[in-house]
Amino acid sequence: MRLPNILLSVAVIIAASLANAQQLKVIKDTVDYKLMEVDSGYFYSHGIEKKNDFILDTSIIKKKNGILRLPLLNGKFKEFKDSLMLDTFNWDKKEYVYSGENKRLKCYLVIGNYWESSGYFLIDKNNGEKDFLNNMPNYSPSYIYYGYCFFYHMDDPMKGVVIVENLKTKKIIRLFLDKQDPTHFKWIDDYKFLFKTDVIGGEEYKETKDKYFLVEIKK
């Protein structure tokens, strides 16, 4: 016996809702965001792959004698000075690499390479103010937020960290994940993003390698 069209449509909607509920498992629900675990199918079928937000033109900005000078809109310069050679052993060594300009946001990106680490600097082209980031920023489609992941191995237990910052209000959301290394940050839209993690060590994780997460930022 065939179901009437309206009953068939309802059945399809219910089935889709149940399937979606199985894909989205709420892990944490706060006033700022909702963290959900999803499966690999959801992760790889959703999201916008990272785009290049910075234009690199070394014909305009060049490093000279280990000094990187970035021209600002107020007529001044922001300088970064290399310290020592990276192929010599010294904890104080630093090298700065110009990585481009975002003309829409009026900011530069500079990478700082150190003895055992690296960092990223966003430089405001208006006044030279700098923000330090632990990884390359990934901007939401309308440039409301930027976000990134990194792994902090100095704590016990080791922690994965996901950072999202509102460009206008400067409000920061931080997610901490014990013994998980977060990677592959990608936006779905201006208020939802995805990332995956590699689970780090431990007998209890022997059957688990990757986990996938969806975060919904609350407006």
N, C-alpha and C. Protein backbone atom coordinates (compact mmCIF):
# COMPACT_ATOMS: atom_id res chain seq x y z
N MET A 1 0.85 -1.19 0.00
CA MET A 1 0.00 0.00 0.00
C MET A 1 0.89 1.25 0.00
N ARG A 2 0.67 2.13 -0.92
CA ARG A 2 1.47 3.35 -1.04
C ARG A 2 0.95 4.42 -0.08
N LEU A 3 1.90 5.13 0.59
CA LEU A 3 1.51 6.22 1.47
C LEU A 3 1.10 7.44 0.65
N PRO A 4 0.11 8.19 1.12
CA PRO A 4 -0.22 9.45 0.45
C PRO A 4 1.02 10.34 0.44
N ASN A 5 1.08 11.25 -0.52
CA ASN A 5 2.25 12.11 -0.67
C ASN A 5 2.58 12.90 0.59
N ILE A 6 1.55 13.42 1.27
CA ILE A 6 1.80 14.23 2.44
C ILE A 6 2.43 13.41 3.56
N LEU A 7 1.95 12.12 3.73
CA LEU A 7 2.53 11.26 4.74
C LEU A 7 3.95 10.86 4.38
N LEU A 8 4.19 10.66 3.11
CA LEU A 8 5.53 10.32 2.65
C LEU A 8 6.50 11.46 2.92
N SER A 9 6.05 12.69 2.68
CA SER A 9 6.89 13.87 2.93
C SER A 9 7.23 13.99 4.41
N VAL A 10 6.23 13.76 5.27
CA VAL A 10 6.46 13.82 6.72
C VAL A 10 7.46 12.77 7.14
N ALA A 11 7.35 11.58 6.58
CA ALA A 11 8.26 10.49 6.92
C ALA A 11 9.70 10.84 6.53
N VAL A 12 9.85 11.46 5.37
CA VAL A 12 11.18 11.86 4.90
C VAL A 12 11.78 12.91 5.83
N ILE A 13 10.97 13.90 6.24
CA ILE A 13 11.44 14.96 7.13
C ILE A 13 11.87 14.38 8.47
N ILE A 14 11.06 13.45 9.03
CA ILE A 14 11.40 12.83 10.31
C ILE A 14 12.69 12.04 10.20
N ALA A 15 12.82 11.29 9.12
CA ALA A 15 14.03 10.49 8.92
C ALA A 15 15.27 11.38 8.81
N ALA A 16 15.13 12.49 8.11
CA ALA A 16 16.25 13.42 7.95
C ALA A 16 16.61 14.05 9.29
N SER A 17 15.60 14.39 10.09
CA SER A 17 15.84 15.00 11.40
C SER A 17 16.56 14.03 12.33
N LEU A 18 16.15 12.76 12.29
CA LEU A 18 16.80 11.76 13.13
C LEU A 18 18.24 11.53 12.71
N ALA A 19 18.48 11.52 11.40
CA ALA A 19 19.84 11.34 10.90
C ALA A 19 20.73 12.51 11.30
N ASN A 20 20.17 13.72 11.22
CA ASN A 20 20.94 14.91 11.60
C ASN A 20 21.23 14.93 13.10
N ALA A 21 20.27 14.48 13.91
CA ALA A 21 20.47 14.42 15.35
C ALA A 21 21.58 13.45 15.71
N GLN A 22 21.68 12.35 14.95
CA GLN A 22 22.74 11.38 15.20
C GLN A 22 24.10 11.96 14.82
N GLN A 23 24.15 12.86 13.84
CA GLN A 23 25.40 13.45 13.41
C GLN A 23 25.90 14.51 14.39
N LEU A 24 24.99 15.18 15.11
CA LEU A 24 25.35 16.29 15.98
C LEU A 24 25.16 15.90 17.45
N LYS A 25 26.26 15.68 18.15
CA LYS A 25 26.23 15.30 19.56
C LYS A 25 26.75 16.48 20.38
N VAL A 26 25.90 17.08 21.20
CA VAL A 26 26.28 18.26 21.97
C VAL A 26 27.24 17.85 23.08
N ILE A 27 28.45 18.46 23.08
CA ILE A 27 29.47 18.20 24.09
C ILE A 27 29.45 19.26 25.17
N LYS A 28 29.25 20.51 24.75
CA LYS A 28 29.26 21.62 25.71
C LYS A 28 28.38 22.72 25.18
N ASP A 29 27.59 23.33 26.09
CA ASP A 29 26.68 24.40 25.71
C ASP A 29 26.86 25.55 26.70
N THR A 30 27.45 26.67 26.23
CA THR A 30 27.72 27.82 27.10
C THR A 30 26.94 29.03 26.60
N VAL A 31 27.10 30.15 27.29
CA VAL A 31 26.42 31.37 26.87
C VAL A 31 27.02 31.92 25.58
N ASP A 32 28.26 31.52 25.27
CA ASP A 32 28.95 32.05 24.09
C ASP A 32 28.92 31.13 22.88
N TYR A 33 28.88 29.82 23.11
CA TYR A 33 28.97 28.89 21.99
C TYR A 33 28.41 27.52 22.37
N LYS A 34 28.13 26.73 21.35
CA LYS A 34 27.74 25.33 21.52
C LYS A 34 28.76 24.47 20.78
N LEU A 35 29.34 23.51 21.48
CA LEU A 35 30.33 22.59 20.89
C LEU A 35 29.67 21.25 20.66
N MET A 36 29.74 20.76 19.41
CA MET A 36 29.12 19.50 19.04
C MET A 36 30.12 18.59 18.35
N GLU A 37 30.02 17.31 18.62
CA GLU A 37 30.84 16.33 17.90
C GLU A 37 30.04 15.83 16.70
N VAL A 38 30.70 15.74 15.56
CA VAL A 38 30.05 15.28 14.34
C VAL A 38 30.85 14.11 13.77
N ASP A 39 30.31 13.46 12.76
CA ASP A 39 31.07 12.37 12.14
C ASP A 39 31.89 12.89 10.97
N SER A 40 32.74 12.04 10.43
CA SER A 40 33.64 12.46 9.35
C SER A 40 32.87 12.85 8.09
N GLY A 41 31.73 12.19 7.85
CA GLY A 41 30.93 12.53 6.68
C GLY A 41 30.43 13.95 6.73
N TYR A 42 29.95 14.36 7.91
CA TYR A 42 29.47 15.74 8.09
C TYR A 42 30.63 16.71 7.92
N PHE A 43 31.76 16.39 8.54
CA PHE A 43 32.91 17.30 8.50
C PHE A 43 33.38 17.54 7.06
N TYR A 44 33.52 16.50 6.28
CA TYR A 44 34.07 16.65 4.93
C TYR A 44 33.05 17.13 3.90
N SER A 45 31.77 17.11 4.25
CA SER A 45 30.75 17.59 3.30
C SER A 45 30.28 19.01 3.63
N HIS A 46 30.82 19.61 4.68
CA HIS A 46 30.45 20.97 5.07
C HIS A 46 31.70 21.83 5.21
N GLY A 47 31.48 23.13 5.15
CA GLY A 47 32.57 24.06 5.42
C GLY A 47 33.23 24.62 4.17
N ILE A 48 33.90 25.75 4.37
CA ILE A 48 34.61 26.46 3.30
C ILE A 48 36.10 26.31 3.55
N GLU A 49 36.80 25.77 2.60
CA GLU A 49 38.24 25.61 2.77
C GLU A 49 38.91 26.98 2.86
N LYS A 50 40.00 27.03 3.62
CA LYS A 50 40.70 28.29 3.89
C LYS A 50 41.14 28.97 2.60
N LYS A 51 40.91 30.28 2.52
CA LYS A 51 41.34 31.07 1.38
C LYS A 51 42.54 31.92 1.78
N ASN A 52 43.24 32.46 0.81
CA ASN A 52 44.38 33.33 1.09
C ASN A 52 43.87 34.75 1.33
N ASP A 53 43.95 35.20 2.57
CA ASP A 53 43.41 36.51 2.94
C ASP A 53 44.45 37.62 2.83
N PHE A 54 45.70 37.27 2.54
CA PHE A 54 46.77 38.27 2.50
C PHE A 54 47.48 38.23 1.15
N ILE A 55 47.70 39.42 0.58
CA ILE A 55 48.38 39.55 -0.71
C ILE A 55 49.85 39.89 -0.44
N LEU A 56 50.74 39.08 -1.00
CA LEU A 56 52.17 39.28 -0.78
C LEU A 56 52.78 39.99 -1.98
N ASP A 57 53.36 41.16 -1.76
CA ASP A 57 54.03 41.93 -2.81
C ASP A 57 55.39 42.39 -2.27
N THR A 58 56.41 41.59 -2.52
CA THR A 58 57.74 41.91 -1.99
C THR A 58 58.44 43.02 -2.78
N SER A 59 57.83 43.47 -3.87
CA SER A 59 58.43 44.59 -4.61
C SER A 59 58.19 45.90 -3.87
N ILE A 60 57.18 45.91 -2.97
CA ILE A 60 56.86 47.11 -2.20
C ILE A 60 57.55 47.07 -0.84
N ILE A 61 57.47 45.92 -0.19
CA ILE A 61 58.05 45.79 1.15
C ILE A 61 59.17 44.75 1.12
N LYS A 62 60.36 45.17 1.47
CA LYS A 62 61.52 44.28 1.48
C LYS A 62 62.27 44.43 2.80
N LYS A 63 62.88 43.33 3.23
CA LYS A 63 63.73 43.37 4.42
C LYS A 63 65.14 43.79 3.99
N LYS A 64 65.75 44.67 4.78
CA LYS A 64 67.11 45.15 4.48
C LYS A 64 67.94 45.10 5.75
N ASN A 65 69.08 44.41 5.66
CA ASN A 65 70.00 44.27 6.80
C ASN A 65 69.29 43.72 8.04
N GLY A 66 68.40 42.76 7.81
CA GLY A 66 67.72 42.12 8.92
C GLY A 66 66.61 42.94 9.54
N ILE A 67 66.21 44.04 8.89
CA ILE A 67 65.16 44.90 9.43
C ILE A 67 63.98 44.94 8.45
N LEU A 68 62.80 44.60 8.95
CA LEU A 68 61.58 44.65 8.17
C LEU A 68 60.82 45.91 8.57
N ARG A 69 60.61 46.83 7.60
CA ARG A 69 59.92 48.09 7.87
C ARG A 69 58.58 48.11 7.14
N LEU A 70 57.50 48.24 7.92
CA LEU A 70 56.16 48.26 7.35
C LEU A 70 55.60 49.68 7.39
N PRO A 71 55.29 50.27 6.23
CA PRO A 71 54.76 51.64 6.22
C PRO A 71 53.33 51.69 6.77
N LEU A 72 53.08 52.67 7.61
CA LEU A 72 51.76 52.86 8.21
C LEU A 72 51.04 54.04 7.57
N LEU A 73 49.74 54.10 7.76
CA LEU A 73 48.94 55.17 7.15
C LEU A 73 49.17 56.52 7.83
N ASN A 74 49.77 56.53 9.02
CA ASN A 74 50.06 57.79 9.71
C ASN A 74 51.44 58.35 9.35
N GLY A 75 52.09 57.72 8.35
CA GLY A 75 53.40 58.20 7.89
C GLY A 75 54.58 57.59 8.63
N LYS A 76 54.31 56.80 9.67
CA LYS A 76 55.39 56.17 10.43
C LYS A 76 55.64 54.75 9.91
N PHE A 77 56.55 54.03 10.57
CA PHE A 77 56.88 52.66 10.20
C PHE A 77 56.82 51.76 11.42
N LYS A 78 56.43 50.51 11.20
CA LYS A 78 56.53 49.48 12.22
C LYS A 78 57.70 48.58 11.84
N GLU A 79 58.66 48.42 12.76
CA GLU A 79 59.87 47.67 12.44
C GLU A 79 59.94 46.35 13.23
N PHE A 80 60.49 45.33 12.54
CA PHE A 80 60.84 44.06 13.16
C PHE A 80 62.30 43.79 12.82
N LYS A 81 63.11 43.50 13.87
CA LYS A 81 64.53 43.30 13.67
C LYS A 81 64.91 41.85 13.96
N ASP A 82 65.59 41.21 12.98
CA ASP A 82 66.10 39.86 13.20
C ASP A 82 67.19 39.91 14.27
N SER A 83 67.33 38.80 14.99
CA SER A 83 68.36 38.70 16.02
C SER A 83 69.15 37.42 15.81
N LEU A 84 70.43 37.55 15.45
CA LEU A 84 71.34 36.42 15.25
C LEU A 84 70.91 35.58 14.04
N MET A 85 71.67 34.53 13.78
CA MET A 85 71.40 33.63 12.66
C MET A 85 70.67 32.40 13.17
N LEU A 86 69.69 31.93 12.41
CA LEU A 86 68.91 30.79 12.85
C LEU A 86 69.69 29.49 12.83
N ASP A 87 70.83 29.43 12.12
CA ASP A 87 71.60 28.20 12.08
C ASP A 87 72.65 28.14 13.18
N THR A 88 72.59 29.07 14.14
CA THR A 88 73.47 29.03 15.30
C THR A 88 72.63 28.79 16.55
N PHE A 89 73.19 28.10 17.54
CA PHE A 89 72.42 27.78 18.75
C PHE A 89 72.39 28.98 19.68
N ASN A 90 71.20 29.51 19.86
CA ASN A 90 71.00 30.61 20.80
C ASN A 90 69.51 30.78 21.02
N TRP A 91 69.10 30.79 22.29
CA TRP A 91 67.68 30.88 22.59
C TRP A 91 67.08 32.22 22.19
N ASP A 92 67.91 33.24 21.98
CA ASP A 92 67.40 34.58 21.68
C ASP A 92 67.23 34.85 20.20
N LYS A 93 67.50 33.89 19.36
CA LYS A 93 67.44 34.15 17.92
C LYS A 93 66.01 34.38 17.45
N LYS A 94 65.87 35.31 16.53
CA LYS A 94 64.56 35.66 15.97
C LYS A 94 64.74 35.99 14.49
N GLU A 95 63.76 35.60 13.70
CA GLU A 95 63.74 35.98 12.29
C GLU A 95 62.30 36.29 11.91
N TYR A 96 62.09 37.42 11.23
CA TYR A 96 60.74 37.85 10.87
C TYR A 96 60.54 37.81 9.36
N VAL A 97 59.40 37.27 8.96
CA VAL A 97 59.08 37.10 7.54
C VAL A 97 57.77 37.83 7.23
N TYR A 98 57.81 38.71 6.26
CA TYR A 98 56.61 39.41 5.82
C TYR A 98 55.75 38.46 5.00
N SER A 99 54.45 38.34 5.35
CA SER A 99 53.57 37.37 4.70
C SER A 99 52.40 37.99 3.97
N GLY A 100 52.34 39.33 3.90
CA GLY A 100 51.32 39.94 3.07
C GLY A 100 50.46 40.97 3.79
N GLU A 101 49.56 41.54 3.00
CA GLU A 101 48.66 42.59 3.49
C GLU A 101 47.22 42.25 3.15
N ASN A 102 46.33 42.49 4.10
CA ASN A 102 44.90 42.39 3.84
C ASN A 102 44.38 43.82 3.65
N LYS A 103 44.12 44.20 2.43
CA LYS A 103 43.74 45.59 2.13
C LYS A 103 42.36 45.93 2.67
N ARG A 104 41.48 44.95 2.74
CA ARG A 104 40.14 45.21 3.26
C ARG A 104 40.19 45.56 4.74
N LEU A 105 41.01 44.82 5.50
CA LEU A 105 41.10 45.03 6.94
C LEU A 105 42.21 46.00 7.32
N LYS A 106 43.00 46.42 6.33
CA LYS A 106 44.12 47.34 6.57
C LYS A 106 45.06 46.80 7.65
N CYS A 107 45.58 45.58 7.38
CA CYS A 107 46.53 44.99 8.32
C CYS A 107 47.56 44.16 7.58
N TYR A 108 48.73 44.04 8.20
CA TYR A 108 49.81 43.20 7.69
C TYR A 108 49.88 41.91 8.50
N LEU A 109 50.47 40.88 7.89
CA LEU A 109 50.76 39.64 8.59
C LEU A 109 52.25 39.38 8.55
N VAL A 110 52.85 39.17 9.73
CA VAL A 110 54.27 38.88 9.85
C VAL A 110 54.43 37.59 10.65
N ILE A 111 55.32 36.70 10.18
CA ILE A 111 55.62 35.47 10.90
C ILE A 111 56.94 35.64 11.64
N GLY A 112 56.94 35.31 12.92
CA GLY A 112 58.17 35.33 13.70
C GLY A 112 58.66 33.91 13.93
N ASN A 113 59.88 33.61 13.49
CA ASN A 113 60.48 32.30 13.68
C ASN A 113 61.52 32.37 14.79
N TYR A 114 61.39 31.48 15.78
CA TYR A 114 62.29 31.48 16.91
C TYR A 114 63.00 30.14 17.00
N TRP A 115 63.77 29.94 18.06
CA TRP A 115 64.60 28.73 18.13
C TRP A 115 63.77 27.45 18.06
N GLU A 116 62.69 27.36 18.82
CA GLU A 116 61.89 26.14 18.82
C GLU A 116 60.41 26.41 18.60
N SER A 117 60.08 27.57 18.11
CA SER A 117 58.67 27.91 17.93
C SER A 117 58.51 28.97 16.85
N SER A 118 57.28 29.35 16.63
CA SER A 118 56.97 30.43 15.70
C SER A 118 55.69 31.11 16.16
N GLY A 119 55.46 32.32 15.68
CA GLY A 119 54.26 33.06 16.03
C GLY A 119 53.85 33.96 14.89
N TYR A 120 52.64 34.46 14.94
CA TYR A 120 52.10 35.31 13.88
C TYR A 120 51.69 36.65 14.47
N PHE A 121 51.97 37.71 13.74
CA PHE A 121 51.62 39.05 14.19
C PHE A 121 50.70 39.72 13.18
N LEU A 122 49.55 40.20 13.66
CA LEU A 122 48.67 41.04 12.85
C LEU A 122 48.98 42.49 13.20
N ILE A 123 49.38 43.27 12.20
CA ILE A 123 49.79 44.65 12.42
C ILE A 123 48.74 45.59 11.85
N ASP A 124 48.16 46.42 12.70
CA ASP A 124 47.18 47.41 12.26
C ASP A 124 47.91 48.48 11.44
N LYS A 125 47.52 48.62 10.18
CA LYS A 125 48.19 49.56 9.29
C LYS A 125 47.93 51.02 9.67
N ASN A 126 46.89 51.27 10.45
CA ASN A 126 46.58 52.65 10.86
C ASN A 126 47.56 53.17 11.90
N ASN A 127 47.89 52.33 12.89
CA ASN A 127 48.68 52.83 14.01
C ASN A 127 49.85 51.94 14.42
N GLY A 128 50.02 50.79 13.77
CA GLY A 128 51.14 49.91 14.08
C GLY A 128 50.91 48.98 15.26
N GLU A 129 49.72 49.01 15.86
CA GLU A 129 49.45 48.10 16.96
C GLU A 129 49.48 46.65 16.46
N LYS A 130 50.01 45.74 17.29
CA LYS A 130 50.15 44.36 16.85
C LYS A 130 49.43 43.40 17.80
N ASP A 131 48.84 42.38 17.22
CA ASP A 131 48.23 41.29 17.96
C ASP A 131 49.01 40.02 17.69
N PHE A 132 49.34 39.27 18.75
CA PHE A 132 50.07 38.02 18.58
C PHE A 132 49.09 36.86 18.45
N LEU A 133 49.33 35.98 17.47
CA LEU A 133 48.53 34.79 17.27
C LEU A 133 49.46 33.58 17.26
N ASN A 134 48.93 32.43 17.67
CA ASN A 134 49.72 31.20 17.67
C ASN A 134 49.68 30.46 16.34
N ASN A 135 48.82 30.92 15.42
CA ASN A 135 48.74 30.27 14.11
C ASN A 135 48.16 31.25 13.11
N MET A 136 48.15 30.86 11.86
CA MET A 136 47.62 31.70 10.78
C MET A 136 46.12 31.93 10.98
N PRO A 137 45.65 33.19 10.91
CA PRO A 137 44.22 33.45 11.11
C PRO A 137 43.39 33.01 9.90
N ASN A 138 42.21 32.49 10.19
CA ASN A 138 41.26 32.09 9.16
C ASN A 138 39.99 32.93 9.37
N TYR A 139 39.67 33.80 8.40
CA TYR A 139 38.58 34.76 8.57
C TYR A 139 37.24 34.17 8.13
N SER A 140 36.19 34.53 8.86
CA SER A 140 34.84 34.11 8.48
C SER A 140 34.45 34.82 7.18
N PRO A 141 33.43 34.31 6.47
CA PRO A 141 33.10 34.84 5.14
C PRO A 141 32.90 36.34 5.07
N SER A 142 32.29 36.95 6.09
CA SER A 142 32.04 38.39 6.08
C SER A 142 33.02 39.16 6.98
N TYR A 143 34.10 38.51 7.37
CA TYR A 143 35.13 39.14 8.20
C TYR A 143 34.58 39.65 9.54
N ILE A 144 33.69 38.86 10.13
CA ILE A 144 33.20 39.18 11.47
C ILE A 144 34.15 38.61 12.53
N TYR A 145 34.65 37.41 12.27
CA TYR A 145 35.57 36.73 13.19
C TYR A 145 36.80 36.25 12.43
N TYR A 146 37.86 35.97 13.20
CA TYR A 146 38.90 35.08 12.70
C TYR A 146 39.09 33.98 13.72
N GLY A 147 39.60 32.84 13.27
CA GLY A 147 39.83 31.72 14.17
C GLY A 147 41.04 30.92 13.75
N TYR A 148 41.54 30.11 14.67
CA TYR A 148 42.66 29.22 14.37
C TYR A 148 42.80 28.20 15.49
N CYS A 149 43.61 27.16 15.23
CA CYS A 149 43.88 26.11 16.21
C CYS A 149 45.38 26.03 16.47
N PHE A 150 45.75 25.56 17.65
CA PHE A 150 47.15 25.22 17.89
C PHE A 150 47.22 24.22 19.04
N PHE A 151 48.39 23.61 19.22
CA PHE A 151 48.60 22.58 20.23
C PHE A 151 49.64 23.08 21.23
N TYR A 152 49.27 23.09 22.51
CA TYR A 152 50.16 23.58 23.56
C TYR A 152 50.67 22.38 24.35
N HIS A 153 51.94 22.04 24.15
CA HIS A 153 52.48 20.80 24.73
C HIS A 153 53.24 21.01 26.04
N MET A 154 53.21 22.24 26.58
CA MET A 154 53.96 22.51 27.80
C MET A 154 53.19 22.11 29.06
N ASP A 155 51.87 22.01 28.97
CA ASP A 155 51.06 21.63 30.13
C ASP A 155 50.95 20.12 30.26
N ASP A 156 50.55 19.66 31.41
CA ASP A 156 50.25 18.25 31.63
C ASP A 156 48.86 18.16 32.24
N PRO A 157 47.82 17.67 31.56
CA PRO A 157 47.95 17.07 30.23
C PRO A 157 48.13 18.11 29.12
N MET A 158 48.71 17.65 28.00
CA MET A 158 48.88 18.52 26.84
C MET A 158 47.51 18.97 26.34
N LYS A 159 47.46 20.20 25.82
CA LYS A 159 46.15 20.77 25.45
C LYS A 159 46.14 21.24 24.00
N GLY A 160 45.02 20.99 23.34
CA GLY A 160 44.72 21.64 22.09
C GLY A 160 43.90 22.88 22.39
N VAL A 161 44.12 23.93 21.62
CA VAL A 161 43.41 25.19 21.86
C VAL A 161 42.81 25.69 20.55
N VAL A 162 41.56 26.11 20.61
CA VAL A 162 40.89 26.74 19.47
C VAL A 162 40.52 28.16 19.89
N ILE A 163 40.95 29.13 19.08
CA ILE A 163 40.73 30.55 19.39
C ILE A 163 39.84 31.17 18.32
N VAL A 164 38.84 31.93 18.75
CA VAL A 164 38.01 32.72 17.83
C VAL A 164 37.88 34.12 18.40
N GLU A 165 38.13 35.14 17.57
CA GLU A 165 38.04 36.52 18.04
C GLU A 165 37.12 37.33 17.14
N ASN A 166 36.27 38.13 17.77
CA ASN A 166 35.40 39.06 17.05
C ASN A 166 36.23 40.28 16.66
N LEU A 167 36.31 40.61 15.37
CA LEU A 167 37.17 41.69 14.90
C LEU A 167 36.71 43.05 15.41
N LYS A 168 35.42 43.22 15.64
CA LYS A 168 34.90 44.52 16.06
C LYS A 168 34.97 44.69 17.57
N THR A 169 34.49 43.71 18.32
CA THR A 169 34.42 43.84 19.78
C THR A 169 35.69 43.35 20.48
N LYS A 170 36.53 42.57 19.76
CA LYS A 170 37.75 41.97 20.31
C LYS A 170 37.45 40.88 21.35
N LYS A 171 36.20 40.47 21.45
CA LYS A 171 35.87 39.39 22.37
C LYS A 171 36.44 38.07 21.85
N ILE A 172 37.06 37.30 22.76
CA ILE A 172 37.73 36.06 22.38
C ILE A 172 37.01 34.86 23.00
N ILE A 173 36.81 33.84 22.19
CA ILE A 173 36.30 32.55 22.66
C ILE A 173 37.46 31.56 22.61
N ARG A 174 37.69 30.85 23.73
CA ARG A 174 38.76 29.85 23.79
C ARG A 174 38.18 28.49 24.14
N LEU A 175 38.54 27.49 23.35
CA LEU A 175 38.15 26.11 23.63
C LEU A 175 39.41 25.32 23.94
N PHE A 176 39.40 24.55 25.04
CA PHE A 176 40.55 23.75 25.44
C PHE A 176 40.19 22.27 25.34
N LEU A 177 41.10 21.49 24.76
CA LEU A 177 40.85 20.06 24.56
C LEU A 177 42.05 19.28 25.08
N ASP A 178 41.87 18.56 26.19
CA ASP A 178 42.98 17.78 26.76
C ASP A 178 43.38 16.64 25.83
N LYS A 179 44.68 16.52 25.61
CA LYS A 179 45.28 15.43 24.83
C LYS A 179 44.70 15.31 23.42
N GLN A 180 44.31 16.44 22.85
CA GLN A 180 43.82 16.45 21.47
C GLN A 180 44.47 17.61 20.72
N ASP A 181 45.00 17.30 19.55
CA ASP A 181 45.67 18.29 18.71
C ASP A 181 44.70 18.74 17.61
N PRO A 182 44.15 19.97 17.72
CA PRO A 182 43.15 20.42 16.74
C PRO A 182 43.79 20.95 15.45
N THR A 183 43.20 20.62 14.32
CA THR A 183 43.70 21.04 13.01
C THR A 183 42.52 21.29 12.07
N HIS A 184 42.83 21.75 10.87
CA HIS A 184 41.86 21.86 9.77
C HIS A 184 40.65 22.70 10.16
N PHE A 185 40.92 23.89 10.70
CA PHE A 185 39.85 24.84 11.04
C PHE A 185 39.21 25.35 9.75
N LYS A 186 37.88 25.33 9.64
CA LYS A 186 37.20 25.88 8.47
C LYS A 186 35.81 26.38 8.86
N TRP A 187 35.44 27.49 8.26
CA TRP A 187 34.14 28.11 8.53
C TRP A 187 33.04 27.47 7.68
N ILE A 188 31.84 27.40 8.23
CA ILE A 188 30.63 27.07 7.47
C ILE A 188 29.95 28.37 7.06
N ASP A 189 29.79 29.28 8.02
CA ASP A 189 29.30 30.63 7.76
C ASP A 189 29.90 31.53 8.84
N ASP A 190 29.38 32.73 9.02
CA ASP A 190 29.99 33.67 9.97
C ASP A 190 29.85 33.25 11.43
N TYR A 191 28.98 32.29 11.73
CA TYR A 191 28.75 31.91 13.12
C TYR A 191 28.90 30.41 13.38
N LYS A 192 29.36 29.66 12.41
CA LYS A 192 29.58 28.23 12.60
C LYS A 192 30.90 27.83 11.95
N PHE A 193 31.66 27.00 12.65
CA PHE A 193 32.92 26.51 12.08
C PHE A 193 33.17 25.07 12.52
N LEU A 194 34.10 24.43 11.81
CA LEU A 194 34.46 23.04 12.05
C LEU A 194 35.95 22.92 12.33
N PHE A 195 36.33 21.89 13.04
CA PHE A 195 37.74 21.51 13.15
C PHE A 195 37.81 20.03 13.50
N LYS A 196 38.95 19.42 13.26
CA LYS A 196 39.15 18.02 13.61
C LYS A 196 40.30 17.93 14.59
N THR A 197 40.39 16.82 15.32
CA THR A 197 41.49 16.64 16.26
C THR A 197 42.12 15.26 16.09
N ASP A 198 43.41 15.18 16.39
CA ASP A 198 44.11 13.91 16.55
C ASP A 198 44.24 13.67 18.05
N VAL A 199 43.78 12.53 18.51
CA VAL A 199 43.86 12.21 19.93
C VAL A 199 45.29 11.79 20.26
N ILE A 200 45.85 12.33 21.34
CA ILE A 200 47.24 12.12 21.68
C ILE A 200 47.40 11.07 22.77
N GLY A 201 47.98 9.92 22.41
CA GLY A 201 48.45 8.92 23.37
C GLY A 201 47.42 8.40 24.35
N GLY A 202 47.85 7.46 25.17
CA GLY A 202 46.99 6.93 26.21
C GLY A 202 46.30 5.65 25.78
N GLU A 203 46.32 4.66 26.64
CA GLU A 203 45.71 3.37 26.32
C GLU A 203 44.21 3.50 26.08
N GLU A 204 43.59 4.46 26.79
CA GLU A 204 42.14 4.62 26.64
C GLU A 204 41.75 5.12 25.26
N TYR A 205 42.73 5.63 24.48
CA TYR A 205 42.42 6.16 23.15
C TYR A 205 42.87 5.22 22.02
N LYS A 206 43.19 3.99 22.36
CA LYS A 206 43.80 3.12 21.36
C LYS A 206 42.90 2.86 20.16
N GLU A 207 41.59 2.97 20.31
CA GLU A 207 40.68 2.71 19.20
C GLU A 207 40.21 4.01 18.53
N THR A 208 40.74 5.14 18.98
CA THR A 208 40.30 6.43 18.44
C THR A 208 41.48 7.18 17.86
N LYS A 209 41.34 7.71 16.67
CA LYS A 209 42.41 8.51 16.07
C LYS A 209 41.95 9.93 15.82
N ASP A 210 40.88 10.10 15.05
CA ASP A 210 40.38 11.42 14.71
C ASP A 210 39.00 11.67 15.33
N LYS A 211 38.79 12.92 15.74
CA LYS A 211 37.47 13.37 16.15
C LYS A 211 37.13 14.63 15.37
N TYR A 212 35.84 14.88 15.18
CA TYR A 212 35.39 16.00 14.36
C TYR A 212 34.38 16.82 15.15
N PHE A 213 34.51 18.15 15.05
CA PHE A 213 33.68 19.03 15.88
C PHE A 213 33.08 20.18 15.07
N LEU A 214 31.88 20.57 15.49
CA LEU A 214 31.19 21.72 14.96
C LEU A 214 30.96 22.69 16.12
N VAL A 215 31.24 23.97 15.91
CA VAL A 215 31.00 25.00 16.93
C VAL A 215 30.04 26.04 16.36
N GLU A 216 29.01 26.34 17.14
CA GLU A 216 28.06 27.37 16.78
C GLU A 216 28.22 28.54 17.75
N ILE A 217 28.62 29.70 17.24
CA ILE A 217 28.79 30.90 18.07
C ILE A 217 27.41 31.53 18.28
N LYS A 218 27.11 31.85 19.52
CA LYS A 218 25.81 32.44 19.83
C LYS A 218 25.85 33.94 19.65
N LYS A 219 24.87 34.48 18.97
CA LYS A 219 24.83 35.92 18.67
C LYS A 219 24.36 36.70 19.90
